[in-house]
């Protein structure tokens, strides 16, 4: 299940970032551009605290990120 959730989060972040640079989107999400890059590549996992920060900054809910799981 973890791989599926990581994959869904990566897809959500890539789609939401759109044409923004990693640096621009990192400022918007509250996580570093390197962390954002690694999460999108499946090389890093966000903690619950960081996920909550991203959700709050983007004004989204869990079903917005993980529609298949909620």
N, C-alpha and C. Protein backbone atom coordinates (compact mmCIF):
# COMPACT_ATOMS: atom_id res chain seq x y z
N UNK A 1 0.82 -1.19 0.00
CA UNK A 1 0.00 0.00 0.00
C UNK A 1 0.87 1.26 0.00
N UNK A 2 1.99 1.24 0.73
CA UNK A 2 2.83 2.43 0.82
C UNK A 2 3.25 2.94 -0.55
N UNK A 3 3.66 2.01 -1.42
CA UNK A 3 4.10 2.42 -2.75
C UNK A 3 2.96 3.10 -3.49
N UNK A 4 1.76 2.59 -3.33
CA UNK A 4 0.61 3.19 -3.99
C UNK A 4 0.35 4.60 -3.48
N UNK A 5 0.44 4.80 -2.17
CA UNK A 5 0.22 6.13 -1.60
C UNK A 5 1.32 7.09 -2.03
N UNK A 6 2.56 6.63 -1.99
CA UNK A 6 3.67 7.47 -2.46
C UNK A 6 3.48 7.86 -3.92
N UNK A 7 3.05 6.91 -4.72
CA UNK A 7 2.83 7.16 -6.15
C UNK A 7 1.70 8.17 -6.35
N UNK A 8 0.60 8.02 -5.61
CA UNK A 8 -0.51 8.95 -5.73
C UNK A 8 -0.09 10.36 -5.31
N UNK A 9 0.70 10.45 -4.24
CA UNK A 9 1.18 11.76 -3.80
C UNK A 9 2.08 12.39 -4.85
N UNK A 10 2.98 11.60 -5.42
CA UNK A 10 3.88 12.11 -6.46
C UNK A 10 3.09 12.62 -7.66
N UNK A 11 2.09 11.86 -8.10
CA UNK A 11 1.28 12.30 -9.23
C UNK A 11 0.52 13.58 -8.91
N UNK A 12 -0.04 13.65 -7.72
CA UNK A 12 -0.76 14.85 -7.30
C UNK A 12 0.16 16.07 -7.31
N UNK A 13 1.35 15.92 -6.74
CA UNK A 13 2.27 17.06 -6.68
C UNK A 13 2.72 17.49 -8.07
N UNK A 14 3.03 16.52 -8.94
CA UNK A 14 3.44 16.86 -10.30
C UNK A 14 2.33 17.61 -11.03
N UNK A 15 1.11 17.10 -10.91
CA UNK A 15 -0.03 17.72 -11.59
C UNK A 15 -0.29 19.12 -11.04
N UNK A 16 -0.24 19.26 -9.73
CA UNK A 16 -0.52 20.55 -9.09
C UNK A 16 0.58 21.56 -9.39
N UNK A 17 1.82 21.10 -9.45
CA UNK A 17 2.95 22.00 -9.75
C UNK A 17 2.83 22.56 -11.15
N UNK A 18 2.34 21.76 -12.08
CA UNK A 18 2.17 22.22 -13.46
C UNK A 18 3.46 22.73 -14.05
N UNK A 19 3.46 23.96 -14.51
CA UNK A 19 4.63 24.57 -15.15
C UNK A 19 5.52 25.33 -14.17
N UNK A 20 5.14 25.34 -12.89
CA UNK A 20 5.96 26.03 -11.90
C UNK A 20 7.29 25.30 -11.73
N UNK A 21 8.32 26.05 -11.41
CA UNK A 21 9.61 25.43 -11.11
C UNK A 21 9.51 24.76 -9.74
N UNK A 22 10.48 23.88 -9.46
CA UNK A 22 10.51 23.24 -8.15
C UNK A 22 10.65 24.30 -7.06
N UNK A 23 11.49 25.31 -7.29
CA UNK A 23 11.71 26.36 -6.29
C UNK A 23 10.42 27.14 -6.02
N UNK A 24 9.69 27.50 -7.08
CA UNK A 24 8.44 28.23 -6.91
C UNK A 24 7.41 27.40 -6.14
N UNK A 25 7.27 26.14 -6.54
CA UNK A 25 6.27 25.28 -5.91
C UNK A 25 6.68 24.94 -4.48
N UNK A 26 7.97 24.82 -4.22
CA UNK A 26 8.45 24.54 -2.87
C UNK A 26 8.04 25.66 -1.92
N UNK A 27 8.16 26.90 -2.36
CA UNK A 27 7.73 28.03 -1.53
C UNK A 27 6.24 27.94 -1.24
N UNK A 28 5.48 27.54 -2.23
CA UNK A 28 4.03 27.43 -2.07
C UNK A 28 3.64 26.29 -1.12
N UNK A 29 4.40 25.20 -1.12
CA UNK A 29 4.05 24.03 -0.32
C UNK A 29 4.67 24.01 1.07
N UNK A 30 5.73 24.77 1.26
CA UNK A 30 6.39 24.78 2.56
C UNK A 30 7.42 23.69 2.75
N UNK A 31 7.81 23.02 1.67
CA UNK A 31 8.89 22.03 1.74
C UNK A 31 10.00 22.46 0.79
N UNK A 32 11.20 21.97 1.01
CA UNK A 32 12.32 22.39 0.18
C UNK A 32 12.16 21.88 -1.26
N UNK A 33 12.80 22.57 -2.18
CA UNK A 33 12.72 22.16 -3.59
C UNK A 33 13.35 20.79 -3.80
N UNK A 34 14.40 20.48 -3.04
CA UNK A 34 15.04 19.17 -3.18
C UNK A 34 14.13 18.06 -2.66
N UNK A 35 13.45 18.30 -1.55
CA UNK A 35 12.51 17.31 -1.02
C UNK A 35 11.38 17.11 -2.01
N UNK A 36 10.87 18.18 -2.55
CA UNK A 36 9.80 18.09 -3.55
C UNK A 36 10.25 17.26 -4.75
N UNK A 37 11.43 17.54 -5.25
CA UNK A 37 11.97 16.79 -6.39
C UNK A 37 12.06 15.30 -6.05
N UNK A 38 12.59 14.98 -4.88
CA UNK A 38 12.77 13.58 -4.49
C UNK A 38 11.43 12.87 -4.25
N UNK A 39 10.45 13.58 -3.71
CA UNK A 39 9.12 12.98 -3.52
C UNK A 39 8.50 12.67 -4.87
N UNK A 40 8.59 13.60 -5.80
CA UNK A 40 8.04 13.37 -7.14
C UNK A 40 8.73 12.20 -7.85
N UNK A 41 9.98 11.97 -7.56
CA UNK A 41 10.73 10.87 -8.17
C UNK A 41 10.57 9.56 -7.41
N UNK A 42 9.87 9.58 -6.28
CA UNK A 42 9.68 8.38 -5.49
C UNK A 42 10.88 8.00 -4.66
N UNK A 43 11.76 8.96 -4.42
CA UNK A 43 12.99 8.70 -3.67
C UNK A 43 12.92 9.17 -2.22
N UNK A 44 11.82 9.80 -1.83
CA UNK A 44 11.69 10.34 -0.49
C UNK A 44 10.24 10.21 -0.06
N UNK A 45 10.03 10.00 1.24
CA UNK A 45 8.68 9.89 1.79
C UNK A 45 8.44 11.06 2.74
N UNK A 46 7.27 11.67 2.63
CA UNK A 46 6.93 12.76 3.54
C UNK A 46 6.43 12.21 4.86
N UNK A 47 6.77 12.89 5.94
CA UNK A 47 6.20 12.56 7.24
C UNK A 47 4.76 13.07 7.26
N UNK A 48 4.01 12.60 8.22
CA UNK A 48 2.63 13.08 8.38
C UNK A 48 2.63 14.60 8.61
N UNK A 49 3.56 15.08 9.42
CA UNK A 49 3.63 16.53 9.67
C UNK A 49 3.87 17.32 8.39
N UNK A 50 4.79 16.84 7.55
CA UNK A 50 5.07 17.54 6.29
C UNK A 50 3.88 17.45 5.34
N UNK A 51 3.23 16.28 5.31
CA UNK A 51 2.04 16.13 4.47
C UNK A 51 0.95 17.10 4.91
N UNK A 52 0.76 17.24 6.23
CA UNK A 52 -0.22 18.20 6.74
C UNK A 52 0.14 19.63 6.34
N UNK A 53 1.42 19.96 6.38
CA UNK A 53 1.87 21.29 5.97
C UNK A 53 1.53 21.53 4.50
N UNK A 54 1.86 20.57 3.65
CA UNK A 54 1.57 20.69 2.21
C UNK A 54 0.07 20.85 1.99
N UNK A 55 -0.72 20.04 2.66
CA UNK A 55 -2.18 20.10 2.49
C UNK A 55 -2.72 21.46 2.93
N UNK A 56 -2.23 21.96 4.06
CA UNK A 56 -2.69 23.26 4.56
C UNK A 56 -2.30 24.38 3.59
N UNK A 57 -1.06 24.35 3.12
CA UNK A 57 -0.58 25.41 2.21
C UNK A 57 -1.32 25.38 0.86
N UNK A 58 -1.63 24.17 0.37
CA UNK A 58 -2.33 24.05 -0.92
C UNK A 58 -3.84 24.09 -0.77
N UNK A 59 -4.30 24.07 0.49
CA UNK A 59 -5.74 24.10 0.79
C UNK A 59 -6.47 22.92 0.14
N UNK A 60 -5.91 21.72 0.40
CA UNK A 60 -6.51 20.48 -0.11
C UNK A 60 -6.78 19.54 1.05
N UNK A 61 -7.58 18.51 0.79
CA UNK A 61 -7.90 17.48 1.79
C UNK A 61 -7.34 16.15 1.31
N UNK A 62 -7.33 15.17 2.20
CA UNK A 62 -6.81 13.84 1.84
C UNK A 62 -7.47 13.27 0.59
N UNK A 63 -8.81 13.35 0.44
CA UNK A 63 -9.42 12.79 -0.77
C UNK A 63 -8.95 13.46 -2.07
N UNK A 64 -8.49 14.70 -1.96
CA UNK A 64 -7.95 15.39 -3.15
C UNK A 64 -6.65 14.74 -3.61
N UNK A 65 -5.86 14.26 -2.66
CA UNK A 65 -4.57 13.66 -2.96
C UNK A 65 -4.70 12.16 -3.20
N UNK A 66 -5.51 11.52 -2.37
CA UNK A 66 -5.65 10.06 -2.39
C UNK A 66 -7.09 9.64 -2.67
N UNK A 67 -7.63 9.96 -3.83
CA UNK A 67 -9.05 9.68 -4.09
C UNK A 67 -9.39 8.19 -4.06
N UNK A 68 -8.45 7.33 -4.40
CA UNK A 68 -8.72 5.90 -4.42
C UNK A 68 -8.74 5.28 -3.03
N UNK A 69 -8.21 6.00 -2.04
CA UNK A 69 -8.07 5.45 -0.69
C UNK A 69 -9.12 5.98 0.28
N UNK A 70 -9.79 7.07 -0.07
CA UNK A 70 -10.73 7.68 0.87
C UNK A 70 -12.17 7.34 0.53
